[in-house]
Amino acid sequence: MTELSIHELSLGFSHDRQMLVEFLAKHHLNYEDDIEAAFGVFDSDDNLTGCGCCAGNLLKCFAVDESLRGQNALGSLVSRLVENRFEAGHYDLFVITRPKNKVLFTSCGFYPLAETEAVLMLENKKSGLDNYYKKFLAGTDTDENVGCIVMNCNPFTKGHLALITYAAKSCSLLHIFVVEENRSRFPFADRLKLVREGTDHLPNVIVHPSGPYMISNATFPTYFLKDDEDAAKIQSEIDITLFASRIAPEGPFQACFRSIRRRRRLSGTAISGTCRGWCSTVPGRAAGFGPRPPERSSAWRFPQAITRRASPSASPTAPTARRPGTFPVRAPSRRAG
């Protein structure tokens, strides 16, 4: 058995960084600029034979030479990375990898969350997802007509408010999840506050942090994807699979779950690749979960205010279109304090 040692790589040192970049490239993987810490496995001749990296609560960029097979190099790397993340204050940890690596990571103490043909998502806590949703669902009625929206709101605008208002009219209870990562121009705390204040007048809307289970395109790892793979589509597939298979069937989102399974087409303007990926992915991915609902209209339209400026004769309470330079909406708060 080869004598091995594990050391942290100094990413600020050009030699270590270049060594990591070249090692990943040798294994047909890409280096990602958001890496915060990296560890390498070295043989007795000080050659890099394995590596693992982390960014926030995500462990990624794993590569191990064939010569180390059977020596638990991956387990040792995972242990060091988990220790590093705990020291940095990250306790809910995730791995997104190819499905073929399931056994490797489950043997390292990670539990599968969701799986598609392209990727597998795992976490380090067996009941982490269930415990997270219990926090914000406590005390809410399990009404059938419940919906949810995931939004970044960078910042919160009249366009966001129009969408929320439109959705709230279709649900008895609407949950808004604000993407929690601080990688946007406006900090998460500010974005969450703006959304809560801006929707305070809507009695059936509850605003939550997104938590770690709703993947941001800023953190979705692409280091193992091939050039011809669509990252936005793959991210959309794992997102909706996680929601449809683990959250909607058991929680209070059954109506939302049934709704996304209807073959609807959003006829508004898709503003990003991720949005377009969701629009094309939701019907197909959700079709494999739960009882099939009755077919309904094949078209679903955003309110007119989202796509063009409201006419002068429109009702003063109707939402207006967002224009360049629009400032965040701050509706008067009715909450105490």
C-alpha atoms as a PDB file:
ATOM      1  CA  MET A   1       0.000   0.000   0.000  1.00  0.00           C
ATOM      2  CA  THR A   2       1.319   3.410  -0.990  1.00  0.00           C
ATOM      3  CA  GLU A   3       2.260   5.753   1.860  1.00  0.00           C
ATOM      4  CA  LEU A   4      -0.020   8.776   1.581  1.00  0.00           C
ATOM      5  CA  SER A   5      -0.378  12.132   3.289  1.00  0.00           C
ATOM      6  CA  ILE A   6      -3.050  14.852   3.050  1.00  0.00           C
ATOM      7  CA  HIS A   7      -2.202  18.548   3.109  1.00  0.00           C
ATOM      8  CA  GLU A   8      -4.192  21.709   2.535  1.00  0.00           C
ATOM      9  CA  LEU A   9      -3.280  23.488  -0.680  1.00  0.00           C
ATOM     10  CA  SER A  10      -2.492  27.196  -0.498  1.00  0.00           C
ATOM     11  CA  LEU A  11      -4.686  28.616  -3.243  1.00  0.00           C
ATOM     12  CA  GLY A  12      -3.067  32.021  -2.864  1.00  0.00           C
ATOM     13  CA  PHE A  13       0.254  30.432  -3.821  1.00  0.00           C
ATOM     14  CA  SER A  14       0.463  30.216  -7.620  1.00  0.00           C
ATOM     15  CA  HIS A  15       2.360  26.896  -7.559  1.00  0.00           C
ATOM     16  CA  ASP A  16      -0.306  25.104  -5.504  1.00  0.00           C
ATOM     17  CA  ARG A  17      -3.162  26.632  -7.483  1.00  0.00           C
ATOM     18  CA  GLN A  18      -1.652  25.680 -10.834  1.00  0.00           C
ATOM     19  CA  MET A  19      -0.927  22.170  -9.565  1.00  0.00           C
ATOM     20  CA  LEU A  20      -4.590  21.779  -8.630  1.00  0.00           C
ATOM     21  CA  VAL A  21      -5.809  23.204 -11.964  1.00  0.00           C
ATOM     22  CA  GLU A  22      -3.597  20.794 -13.917  1.00  0.00           C
ATOM     23  CA  PHE A  23      -4.565  17.780 -11.798  1.00  0.00           C
ATOM     24  CA  LEU A  24      -8.263  18.458 -12.311  1.00  0.00           C
ATOM     25  CA  ALA A  25      -7.696  18.942 -16.047  1.00  0.00           C
ATOM     26  CA  LYS A  26      -5.930  15.568 -16.192  1.00  0.00           C
ATOM     27  CA  HIS A  27      -9.162  14.037 -14.879  1.00  0.00           C
ATOM     28  CA  HIS A  28     -11.245  16.069 -17.384  1.00  0.00           C
ATOM     29  CA  LEU A  29     -12.567  18.360 -14.663  1.00  0.00           C
ATOM     30  CA  ASN A  30     -12.622  22.153 -14.397  1.00  0.00           C
ATOM     31  CA  TYR A  31     -11.296  24.368 -11.639  1.00  0.00           C
ATOM     32  CA  GLU A  32     -13.964  26.700 -10.218  1.00  0.00           C
ATOM     33  CA  ASP A  33     -13.027  30.185  -9.060  1.00  0.00           C
ATOM     34  CA  ASP A  34     -15.248  30.183  -5.969  1.00  0.00           C
ATOM     35  CA  ILE A  35     -13.231  27.440  -4.234  1.00  0.00           C
ATOM     36  CA  GLU A  36     -12.456  28.506  -0.663  1.00  0.00           C
ATOM     37  CA  ALA A  37     -10.296  25.582   0.476  1.00  0.00           C
ATOM     38  CA  ALA A  38      -8.658  22.570  -1.150  1.00  0.00           C
ATOM     39  CA  PHE A  39      -6.864  19.483   0.112  1.00  0.00           C
ATOM     40  CA  GLY A  40      -4.499  17.202  -1.771  1.00  0.00           C
ATOM     41  CA  VAL A  41      -3.437  13.599  -1.343  1.00  0.00           C
ATOM     42  CA  PHE A  42       0.314  13.175  -1.879  1.00  0.00           C
ATOM     43  CA  ASP A  43       2.390  10.026  -2.299  1.00  0.00           C
ATOM     44  CA  SER A  44       5.829   9.410  -0.816  1.00  0.00           C
ATOM     45  CA  ASP A  45       7.446  11.293  -3.736  1.00  0.00           C
ATOM     46  CA  ASP A  46       5.260  14.346  -3.035  1.00  0.00           C
ATOM     47  CA  ASN A  47       3.175  13.847  -6.180  1.00  0.00           C
ATOM     48  CA  LEU A  48      -0.439  15.003  -6.102  1.00  0.00           C
ATOM     49  CA  THR A  49      -2.613  11.894  -6.497  1.00  0.00           C
ATOM     50  CA  GLY A  50      -6.008  13.112  -5.267  1.00  0.00           C
ATOM     51  CA  CYS A  51      -7.864  16.300  -4.402  1.00  0.00           C
ATOM     52  CA  GLY A  52     -11.087  17.654  -2.951  1.00  0.00           C
ATOM     53  CA  CYS A  53     -12.352  21.226  -2.587  1.00  0.00           C
ATOM     54  CA  CYS A  54     -15.143  23.189  -0.941  1.00  0.00           C
ATOM     55  CA  ALA A  55     -17.053  26.446  -1.336  1.00  0.00           C
ATOM     56  CA  GLY A  56     -19.575  27.495   1.286  1.00  0.00           C
ATOM     57  CA  ASN A  57     -21.569  24.419   2.257  1.00  0.00           C
ATOM     58  CA  LEU A  58     -20.709  22.519  -0.922  1.00  0.00           C
ATOM     59  CA  LEU A  59     -17.958  19.886  -1.263  1.00  0.00           C
ATOM     60  CA  LYS A  60     -16.756  19.527  -4.848  1.00  0.00           C
ATOM     61  CA  CYS A  61     -13.935  19.114  -7.361  1.00  0.00           C
ATOM     62  CA  PHE A  62     -13.042  15.593  -6.259  1.00  0.00           C
ATOM     63  CA  ALA A  63     -10.489  13.641  -8.286  1.00  0.00           C
ATOM     64  CA  VAL A  64      -8.426  10.578  -7.331  1.00  0.00           C
ATOM     65  CA  ASP A  65      -5.875   8.646  -9.391  1.00  0.00           C
ATOM     66  CA  GLU A  66      -6.652   5.026 -10.252  1.00  0.00           C
ATOM     67  CA  SER A  67      -3.554   3.950  -8.289  1.00  0.00           C
ATOM     68  CA  LEU A  68      -5.325   4.936  -5.032  1.00  0.00           C
ATOM     69  CA  ARG A  69      -8.379   2.754  -5.604  1.00  0.00           C
ATOM     70  CA  GLY A  70      -9.174   0.744  -2.464  1.00  0.00           C
ATOM     71  CA  GLN A  71      -7.114   2.956  -0.146  1.00  0.00           C
ATOM     72  CA  ASN A  72     -10.014   5.159   1.061  1.00  0.00           C
ATOM     73  CA  ALA A  73      -8.399   8.314  -0.282  1.00  0.00           C
ATOM     74  CA  LEU A  74     -11.828   9.827  -0.944  1.00  0.00           C
ATOM     75  CA  GLY A  75     -12.956   9.119   2.623  1.00  0.00           C
ATOM     76  CA  SER A  76      -9.881  10.848   4.011  1.00  0.00           C
ATOM     77  CA  LEU A  77     -10.445  13.868   1.761  1.00  0.00           C
ATOM     78  CA  VAL A  78     -14.098  14.120   2.772  1.00  0.00           C
ATOM     79  CA  SER A  79     -13.157  13.961   6.464  1.00  0.00           C
ATOM     80  CA  ARG A  80     -10.686  16.826   6.125  1.00  0.00           C
ATOM     81  CA  LEU A  81     -13.138  18.920   4.113  1.00  0.00           C
ATOM     82  CA  VAL A  82     -15.963  18.341   6.594  1.00  0.00           C
ATOM     83  CA  GLU A  83     -13.664  19.380   9.444  1.00  0.00           C
ATOM     84  CA  ASN A  84     -12.685  22.506   7.511  1.00  0.00           C
ATOM     85  CA  ARG A  85     -16.323  23.444   6.821  1.00  0.00           C
ATOM     86  CA  PHE A  86     -17.330  22.927  10.454  1.00  0.00           C
ATOM     87  CA  GLU A  87     -14.535  25.255  11.523  1.00  0.00           C
ATOM     88  CA  ALA A  88     -15.844  27.835   9.038  1.00  0.00           C
ATOM     89  CA  GLY A  89     -19.360  27.572  10.498  1.00  0.00           C
ATOM     90  CA  HIS A  90     -20.983  25.440   7.779  1.00  0.00           C
ATOM     91  CA  TYR A  91     -22.783  22.453   9.276  1.00  0.00           C
ATOM     92  CA  ASP A  92     -25.279  21.485   6.550  1.00  0.00           C
ATOM     93  CA  LEU A  93     -23.037  20.118   3.821  1.00  0.00           C
ATOM     94  CA  PHE A  94     -23.849  18.950   0.300  1.00  0.00           C
ATOM     95  CA  VAL A  95     -22.276  17.079  -2.586  1.00  0.00           C
ATOM     96  CA  ILE A  96     -23.514  17.277  -6.179  1.00  0.00           C
ATOM     97  CA  THR A  97     -21.893  14.662  -8.378  1.00  0.00           C
ATOM     98  CA  ARG A  98     -22.547  12.050 -11.037  1.00  0.00           C
ATOM     99  CA  PRO A  99     -24.993   9.252 -10.071  1.00  0.00           C
ATOM    100  CA  LYS A 100     -22.269   6.645 -10.607  1.00  0.00           C
ATOM    101  CA  ASN A 101     -20.515   8.003  -7.490  1.00  0.00           C
ATOM    102  CA  LYS A 102     -23.436   7.300  -5.130  1.00  0.00           C
ATOM    103  CA  VAL A 103     -21.814   4.368  -3.316  1.00  0.00           C
ATOM    104  CA  LEU A 104     -18.553   6.269  -2.891  1.00  0.00           C
ATOM    105  CA  PHE A 105     -20.191   9.180  -1.083  1.00  0.00           C
ATOM    106  CA  THR A 106     -22.788   7.209   0.885  1.00  0.00           C
ATOM    107  CA  SER A 107     -19.897   5.226   2.327  1.00  0.00           C
ATOM    108  CA  CYS A 108     -18.446   8.582   3.467  1.00  0.00           C
ATOM    109  CA  GLY A 109     -21.546   9.410   5.526  1.00  0.00           C
ATOM    110  CA  PHE A 110     -23.634  11.342   2.984  1.00  0.00           C
ATOM    111  CA  TYR A 111     -27.295  10.633   2.238  1.00  0.00           C
ATOM    112  CA  PRO A 112     -28.982  10.891  -1.192  1.00  0.00           C
ATOM    113  CA  LEU A 113     -31.514  13.721  -1.568  1.00  0.00           C
ATOM    114  CA  ALA A 114     -32.423  13.656  -5.258  1.00  0.00           C
ATOM    115  CA  GLU A 115     -31.147  12.043  -8.429  1.00  0.00           C
ATOM    116  CA  THR A 116     -31.552  12.650 -12.151  1.00  0.00           C
ATOM    117  CA  GLU A 117     -29.871  11.039 -15.126  1.00  0.00           C
ATOM    118  CA  ALA A 118     -27.126  13.655 -15.014  1.00  0.00           C
ATOM    119  CA  VAL A 119     -26.507  14.457 -11.337  1.00  0.00           C
ATOM    120  CA  LEU A 120     -26.954  13.234  -7.786  1.00  0.00           C
ATOM    121  CA  MET A 121     -27.409  15.494  -4.752  1.00  0.00           C
ATOM    122  CA  LEU A 122     -26.414  14.276  -1.268  1.00  0.00           C
ATOM    123  CA  GLU A 123     -26.256  15.848   2.213  1.00  0.00           C
ATOM    124  CA  ASN A 124     -24.488  15.000   5.454  1.00  0.00           C
ATOM    125  CA  LYS A 125     -27.659  14.840   7.593  1.00  0.00           C
ATOM    126  CA  LYS A 126     -30.136  12.001   7.211  1.00  0.00           C
ATOM    127  CA  SER A 127     -33.174  14.075   8.227  1.00  0.00           C
ATOM    128  CA  GLY A 128     -31.839  17.504   7.325  1.00  0.00           C
ATOM    129  CA  LEU A 129     -34.495  18.314   4.734  1.00  0.00           C
ATOM    130  CA  ASP A 130     -37.408  17.168   6.906  1.00  0.00           C
ATOM    131  CA  ASN A 131     -36.147  19.103   9.917  1.00  0.00           C
ATOM    132  CA  TYR A 132     -35.665  22.260   7.844  1.00  0.00           C
ATOM    133  CA  TYR A 133     -39.221  22.361   6.519  1.00  0.00           C
ATOM    134  CA  LYS A 134     -40.709  21.647   9.930  1.00  0.00           C
ATOM    135  CA  LYS A 135     -39.358  25.001  11.089  1.00  0.00           C
ATOM    136  CA  PHE A 136     -41.431  27.186   8.796  1.00  0.00           C
ATOM    137  CA  LEU A 137     -44.410  24.890   8.275  1.00  0.00           C
ATOM    138  CA  ALA A 138     -45.211  24.679  11.976  1.00  0.00           C
ATOM    139  CA  GLY A 139     -48.557  26.355  12.651  1.00  0.00           C
ATOM    140  CA  THR A 140     -49.611  26.655   9.010  1.00  0.00           C
ATOM    141  CA  ASP A 141     -52.754  24.939   7.841  1.00  0.00           C
ATOM    142  CA  THR A 142     -52.308  22.024   5.464  1.00  0.00           C
ATOM    143  CA  ASP A 143     -54.691  23.554   2.956  1.00  0.00           C
ATOM    144  CA  GLU A 144     -54.748  21.859  -0.422  1.00  0.00           C
ATOM    145  CA  ASN A 145     -54.493  25.098  -2.376  1.00  0.00           C
ATOM    146  CA  VAL A 146     -50.935  26.040  -1.368  1.00  0.00           C
ATOM    147  CA  GLY A 147     -48.297  27.431  -3.694  1.00  0.00           C
ATOM    148  CA  CYS A 148     -44.677  28.520  -3.563  1.00  0.00           C
ATOM    149  CA  ILE A 149     -42.279  30.770  -5.460  1.00  0.00           C
ATOM    150  CA  VAL A 150     -38.470  30.864  -5.350  1.00  0.00           C
ATOM    151  CA  MET A 151     -37.095  34.348  -6.040  1.00  0.00           C
ATOM    152  CA  ASN A 152     -33.756  36.127  -5.877  1.00  0.00           C
ATOM    153  CA  CYS A 153     -35.176  39.691  -5.835  1.00  0.00           C
ATOM    154  CA  ASN A 154     -31.936  41.536  -6.480  1.00  0.00           C
ATOM    155  CA  PRO A 155     -33.524  43.925  -5.573  1.00  0.00           C
ATOM    156  CA  PHE A 156     -37.273  43.530  -4.978  1.00  0.00           C
ATOM    157  CA  THR A 157     -39.185  45.465  -7.686  1.00  0.00           C
ATOM    158  CA  LYS A 158     -42.714  46.167  -8.861  1.00  0.00           C
ATOM    159  CA  GLY A 159     -42.320  43.325 -11.335  1.00  0.00           C
ATOM    160  CA  HIS A 160     -41.697  40.862  -8.487  1.00  0.00           C
ATOM    161  CA  LEU A 161     -44.651  42.279  -6.574  1.00  0.00           C
ATOM    162  CA  ALA A 162     -46.924  41.881  -9.591  1.00  0.00           C
ATOM    163  CA  LEU A 163     -45.967  38.221  -9.941  1.00  0.00           C
ATOM    164  CA  ILE A 164     -46.501  37.564  -6.236  1.00  0.00           C
ATOM    165  CA  THR A 165     -49.845  39.368  -6.230  1.00  0.00           C
ATOM    166  CA  TYR A 166     -51.004  37.396  -9.243  1.00  0.00           C
ATOM    167  CA  ALA A 167     -49.951  34.082  -7.666  1.00  0.00           C
ATOM    168  CA  ALA A 168     -51.482  34.972  -4.288  1.00  0.00           C
ATOM    169  CA  LYS A 169     -54.891  35.386  -5.935  1.00  0.00           C
ATOM    170  CA  SER A 170     -54.688  31.779  -7.129  1.00  0.00           C
ATOM    171  CA  CYS A 171     -53.750  30.275  -3.753  1.00  0.00           C
ATOM    172  CA  SER A 172     -55.185  30.244  -0.276  1.00  0.00           C
ATOM    173  CA  LEU A 173     -51.601  30.287   1.036  1.00  0.00           C
ATOM    174  CA  LEU A 174     -48.442  31.283  -0.842  1.00  0.00           C
ATOM    175  CA  HIS A 175     -44.896  30.629   0.403  1.00  0.00           C
ATOM    176  CA  ILE A 176     -42.115  32.866  -0.978  1.00  0.00           C
ATOM    177  CA  PHE A 177     -38.547  31.563  -0.702  1.00  0.00           C
ATOM    178  CA  VAL A 178     -35.853  34.219  -1.096  1.00  0.00           C
ATOM    179  CA  VAL A 179     -32.524  32.847  -2.358  1.00  0.00           C
ATOM    180  CA  GLU A 180     -30.286  32.983   0.672  1.00  0.00           C
ATOM    181  CA  GLU A 181     -26.780  33.188  -0.764  1.00  0.00           C
ATOM    182  CA  ASN A 182     -24.954  36.482  -0.461  1.00  0.00           C
ATOM    183  CA  ARG A 183     -23.680  36.505  -4.031  1.00  0.00           C
ATOM    184  CA  SER A 184     -26.033  39.131  -5.344  1.00  0.00           C
ATOM    185  CA  ARG A 185     -25.512  42.891  -5.513  1.00  0.00           C
ATOM    186  CA  PHE A 186     -27.917  43.320  -2.583  1.00  0.00           C
ATOM    187  CA  PRO A 187     -27.158  41.322   0.600  1.00  0.00           C
ATOM    188  CA  PHE A 188     -29.579  38.556   1.530  1.00  0.00           C
ATOM    189  CA  ALA A 189     -30.726  40.268   4.732  1.00  0.00           C
ATOM    190  CA  ASP A 190     -31.719  43.357   2.739  1.00  0.00           C
ATOM    191  CA  ARG A 191     -33.475  41.360   0.030  1.00  0.00           C
ATOM    192  CA  LEU A 192     -35.430  39.326   2.599  1.00  0.00           C
ATOM    193  CA  LYS A 193     -36.484  42.497   4.420  1.00  0.00           C
ATOM    194  CA  LEU A 194     -37.601  44.186   1.186  1.00  0.00           C
ATOM    195  CA  VAL A 195     -39.740  41.208   0.170  1.00  0.00           C
ATOM    196  CA  ARG A 196     -41.336  40.931   3.615  1.00  0.00           C
ATOM    197  CA  GLU A 197     -42.127  44.626   3.750  1.00  0.00           C
ATOM    198  CA  GLY A 198     -43.276  44.716   0.139  1.00  0.00           C
ATOM    199  CA  THR A 199     -45.746  41.839   0.617  1.00  0.00           C
ATOM    200  CA  ASP A 200     -46.930  42.743   4.099  1.00  0.00           C
ATOM    201  CA  HIS A 201     -50.305  43.837   2.726  1.00  0.00           C
ATOM    202  CA  LEU A 202     -50.963  40.351   1.278  1.00  0.00           C
ATOM    203  CA  PRO A 203     -52.499  38.307   4.137  1.00  0.00           C
ATOM    204  CA  ASN A 204     -51.960  34.898   2.549  1.00  0.00           C
ATOM    205  CA  VAL A 205     -48.259  35.329   1.739  1.00  0.00           C
ATOM    206  CA  ILE A 206     -45.466  34.052   4.000  1.00  0.00           C
ATOM    207  CA  VAL A 207     -41.820  34.868   3.206  1.00  0.00           C
ATOM    208  CA  HIS A 208     -38.935  32.525   4.153  1.00  0.00           C
ATOM    209  CA  PRO A 209     -35.204  32.202   3.555  1.00  0.00           C
ATOM    210  CA  SER A 210     -34.607  29.653   0.805  1.00  0.00           C
ATOM    211  CA  GLY A 211     -32.375  27.516   2.995  1.00  0.00           C
ATOM    212  CA  PRO A 212     -29.777  25.135   1.578  1.00  0.00           C
ATOM    213  CA  TYR A 213     -32.154  22.987  -0.478  1.00  0.00           C
ATOM    214  CA  MET A 214     -32.924  25.436  -3.269  1.00  0.00           C
ATOM    215  CA  ILE A 215     -29.889  25.644  -5.485  1.00  0.00           C
ATOM    216  CA  SER A 216     -28.639  28.973  -6.756  1.00  0.00           C
ATOM    217  CA  ASN A 217     -27.079  29.070 -10.210  1.00  0.00           C
ATOM    218  CA  ALA A 218     -24.207  30.924  -8.506  1.00  0.00           C
ATOM    219  CA  THR A 219     -23.265  27.834  -6.502  1.00  0.00           C
ATOM    220  CA  PHE A 220     -24.362  24.946  -8.730  1.00  0.00           C
ATOM    221  CA  PRO A 221     -21.123  23.058  -9.507  1.00  0.00           C
ATOM    222  CA  THR A 222     -20.293  22.594 -13.171  1.00  0.00           C
ATOM    223  CA  TYR A 223     -16.732  21.287 -12.847  1.00  0.00           C
ATOM    224  CA  PHE A 224     -17.712  17.778 -14.001  1.00  0.00           C
ATOM    225  CA  LEU A 225     -20.047  18.791 -16.853  1.00  0.00           C
ATOM    226  CA  LYS A 226     -19.037  18.352 -20.468  1.00  0.00           C
ATOM    227  CA  ASP A 227     -18.990  21.233 -22.929  1.00  0.00           C
ATOM    228  CA  ASP A 228     -22.158  20.045 -24.666  1.00  0.00           C
ATOM    229  CA  GLU A 229     -24.191  19.762 -21.439  1.00  0.00           C
ATOM    230  CA  ASP A 230     -26.671  22.498 -20.518  1.00  0.00           C
ATOM    231  CA  ALA A 231     -25.900  23.507 -16.926  1.00  0.00           C
ATOM    232  CA  ALA A 232     -29.122  25.516 -16.522  1.00  0.00           C
ATOM    233  CA  LYS A 233     -31.241  22.573 -17.685  1.00  0.00           C
ATOM    234  CA  ILE A 234     -29.415  20.106 -15.430  1.00  0.00           C
ATOM    235  CA  GLN A 235     -29.809  22.428 -12.446  1.00  0.00           C
ATOM    236  CA  SER A 236     -33.513  22.830 -13.194  1.00  0.00           C
ATOM    237  CA  GLU A 237     -33.944  19.053 -13.333  1.00  0.00           C
ATOM    238  CA  ILE A 238     -32.339  18.424  -9.947  1.00  0.00           C
ATOM    239  CA  ASP A 239     -34.261  21.348  -8.386  1.00  0.00           C
ATOM    240  CA  ILE A 240     -37.670  20.156  -9.531  1.00  0.00           C
ATOM    241  CA  THR A 241     -36.867  16.505  -8.801  1.00  0.00           C
ATOM    242  CA  LEU A 242     -35.994  17.392  -5.221  1.00  0.00           C
ATOM    243  CA  PHE A 243     -39.173  19.426  -4.836  1.00  0.00           C
ATOM    244  CA  ALA A 244     -41.483  16.918  -6.521  1.00  0.00           C
ATOM    245  CA  SER A 245     -40.081  13.774  -4.900  1.00  0.00           C
ATOM    246  CA  ARG A 246     -39.201  14.942  -1.395  1.00  0.00           C
ATOM    247  CA  ILE A 247     -41.125  18.125  -0.532  1.00  0.00           C
ATOM    248  CA  ALA A 248     -44.433  18.339  -2.376  1.00  0.00           C
ATOM    249  CA  PRO A 249     -45.825  14.817  -1.788  1.00  0.00           C
ATOM    250  CA  GLU A 250     -45.324  14.931   1.988  1.00  0.00           C
ATOM    251  CA  GLY A 251     -45.724  18.608   2.806  1.00  0.00           C
ATOM    252  CA  PRO A 252     -48.534  21.127   2.320  1.00  0.00           C
ATOM    253  CA  PHE A 253     -47.612  21.858  -1.307  1.00  0.00           C
ATOM    254  CA  GLN A 254     -49.813  19.187  -2.867  1.00  0.00           C
ATOM    255  CA  ALA A 255     -51.753  21.748  -4.899  1.00  0.00           C
ATOM    256  CA  CYS A 256     -48.558  23.335  -6.154  1.00  0.00           C
ATOM    257  CA  PHE A 257     -47.276  19.835  -6.918  1.00  0.00           C
ATOM    258  CA  ARG A 258     -50.384  18.985  -8.911  1.00  0.00           C
ATOM    259  CA  SER A 259     -50.180  22.322 -10.674  1.00  0.00           C
ATOM    260  CA  ILE A 260     -46.615  21.907 -11.922  1.00  0.00           C
ATOM    261  CA  ARG A 261     -47.470  18.490 -13.327  1.00  0.00           C
ATOM    262  CA  ARG A 262     -49.987  20.005 -15.731  1.00  0.00           C
ATOM    263  CA  ARG A 263     -48.395  20.652 -19.070  1.00  0.00           C
ATOM    264  CA  ARG A 264     -48.482  24.418 -18.987  1.00  0.00           C
ATOM    265  CA  ARG A 265     -46.389  26.846 -20.979  1.00  0.00           C
ATOM    266  CA  LEU A 266     -45.260  30.202 -19.598  1.00  0.00           C
ATOM    267  CA  SER A 267     -45.819  32.724 -22.364  1.00  0.00           C
ATOM    268  CA  GLY A 268     -44.037  35.637 -20.734  1.00  0.00           C
ATOM    269  CA  THR A 269     -40.450  36.718 -21.335  1.00  0.00           C
ATOM    270  CA  ALA A 270     -37.815  34.351 -19.922  1.00  0.00           C
ATOM    271  CA  ILE A 271     -35.127  36.597 -18.474  1.00  0.00           C
ATOM    272  CA  SER A 272     -32.417  33.990 -17.884  1.00  0.00           C
ATOM    273  CA  GLY A 273     -31.200  30.574 -18.940  1.00  0.00           C
ATOM    274  CA  THR A 274     -32.265  29.172 -15.588  1.00  0.00           C
ATOM    275  CA  CYS A 275     -35.787  30.530 -16.041  1.00  0.00           C
ATOM    276  CA  ARG A 276     -36.009  29.035 -19.531  1.00  0.00           C
ATOM    277  CA  GLY A 277     -34.668  25.756 -18.152  1.00  0.00           C
ATOM    278  CA  TRP A 278     -37.401  25.646 -15.513  1.00  0.00           C
ATOM    279  CA  CYS A 279     -40.142  26.440 -18.029  1.00  0.00           C
ATOM    280  CA  SER A 280     -39.095  23.561 -20.288  1.00  0.00           C
ATOM    281  CA  THR A 281     -38.153  21.121 -17.527  1.00  0.00           C
ATOM    282  CA  VAL A 282     -40.993  21.259 -14.998  1.00  0.00           C
ATOM    283  CA  PRO A 283     -43.659  19.288 -16.908  1.00  0.00           C
ATOM    284  CA  GLY A 284     -41.339  16.429 -17.838  1.00  0.00           C
ATOM    285  CA  ARG A 285     -39.556  16.053 -14.491  1.00  0.00           C
ATOM    286  CA  ALA A 286     -42.722  16.300 -12.385  1.00  0.00           C
ATOM    287  CA  ALA A 287     -44.596  13.772 -14.522  1.00  0.00           C
ATOM    288  CA  GLY A 288     -42.969  10.841 -12.765  1.00  0.00           C
ATOM    289  CA  PHE A 289     -44.214  11.666  -9.261  1.00  0.00           C
ATOM    290  CA  GLY A 290     -47.643  11.291  -7.714  1.00  0.00           C
ATOM    291  CA  PRO A 291     -51.083  10.771  -9.274  1.00  0.00           C
ATOM    292  CA  ARG A 292     -51.668  12.459 -12.596  1.00  0.00           C
ATOM    293  CA  PRO A 293     -54.133  15.368 -12.371  1.00  0.00           C
ATOM    294  CA  PRO A 294     -56.739  16.180 -15.016  1.00  0.00           C
ATOM    295  CA  GLU A 295     -55.348  18.008 -18.037  1.00  0.00           C
ATOM    296  CA  ARG A 296     -56.123  21.700 -18.205  1.00  0.00           C
ATOM    297  CA  SER A 297     -55.402  24.586 -20.490  1.00  0.00           C
ATOM    298  CA  SER A 298     -52.111  24.303 -22.354  1.00  0.00           C
ATOM    299  CA  ALA A 299     -51.290  27.985 -21.856  1.00  0.00           C
ATOM    300  CA  TRP A 300     -50.737  30.021 -18.727  1.00  0.00           C
ATOM    301  CA  ARG A 301     -50.054  33.732 -19.027  1.00  0.00           C
ATOM    302  CA  PHE A 302     -48.369  36.207 -16.754  1.00  0.00           C
ATOM    303  CA  PRO A 303     -50.443  39.328 -16.015  1.00  0.00           C
ATOM    304  CA  GLN A 304     -50.255  41.979 -18.705  1.00  0.00           C
ATOM    305  CA  ALA A 305     -48.385  44.321 -16.359  1.00  0.00           C
ATOM    306  CA  ILE A 306     -45.344  42.066 -16.423  1.00  0.00           C
ATOM    307  CA  THR A 307     -44.774  42.372 -20.150  1.00  0.00           C
ATOM    308  CA  ARG A 308     -45.694  45.968 -20.876  1.00  0.00           C
ATOM    309  CA  ARG A 309     -46.384  49.221 -19.123  1.00  0.00           C
ATOM    310  CA  ALA A 310     -49.869  49.537 -17.675  1.00  0.00           C
ATOM    311  CA  SER A 311     -52.174  51.882 -19.549  1.00  0.00           C
ATOM    312  CA  PRO A 312     -53.033  55.259 -17.964  1.00  0.00           C
ATOM    313  CA  SER A 313     -56.628  54.130 -17.569  1.00  0.00           C
ATOM    314  CA  ALA A 314     -55.639  51.109 -15.515  1.00  0.00           C
ATOM    315  CA  SER A 315     -56.840  50.812 -11.959  1.00  0.00           C
ATOM    316  CA  PRO A 316     -54.522  52.564  -9.476  1.00  0.00           C
ATOM    317  CA  THR A 317     -54.226  49.307  -7.553  1.00  0.00           C
ATOM    318  CA  ALA A 318     -53.092  47.319 -10.579  1.00  0.00           C
ATOM    319  CA  PRO A 319     -49.364  46.410 -10.636  1.00  0.00           C
ATOM    320  CA  THR A 320     -47.314  48.344 -13.156  1.00  0.00           C
ATOM    321  CA  ALA A 321     -44.444  47.143 -15.280  1.00  0.00           C
ATOM    322  CA  ARG A 322     -40.871  47.422 -13.998  1.00  0.00           C
ATOM    323  CA  ARG A 323     -38.854  50.021 -15.881  1.00  0.00           C
ATOM    324  CA  PRO A 324     -35.074  50.409 -15.962  1.00  0.00           C
ATOM    325  CA  GLY A 325     -33.917  52.124 -12.818  1.00  0.00           C
ATOM    326  CA  THR A 326     -37.003  51.183 -10.777  1.00  0.00           C
ATOM    327  CA  PHE A 327     -36.276  51.315  -7.077  1.00  0.00           C
ATOM    328  CA  PRO A 328     -37.211  48.530  -4.623  1.00  0.00           C
ATOM    329  CA  VAL A 329     -40.793  48.489  -3.434  1.00  0.00           C
ATOM    330  CA  ARG A 330     -41.306  49.287   0.219  1.00  0.00           C
ATOM    331  CA  ALA A 331     -44.916  48.829   1.195  1.00  0.00           C
ATOM    332  CA  PRO A 332     -45.884  50.151   4.675  1.00  0.00           C
ATOM    333  CA  SER A 333     -45.353  47.466   7.284  1.00  0.00           C
ATOM    334  CA  ARG A 334     -48.207  46.444   9.518  1.00  0.00           C
ATOM    335  CA  ARG A 335     -46.185  44.242  11.766  1.00  0.00           C
ATOM    336  CA  ALA A 336     -45.466  45.344  15.302  1.00  0.00           C
ATOM    337  CA  GLY A 337     -42.046  46.859  15.722  1.00  0.00           C
END
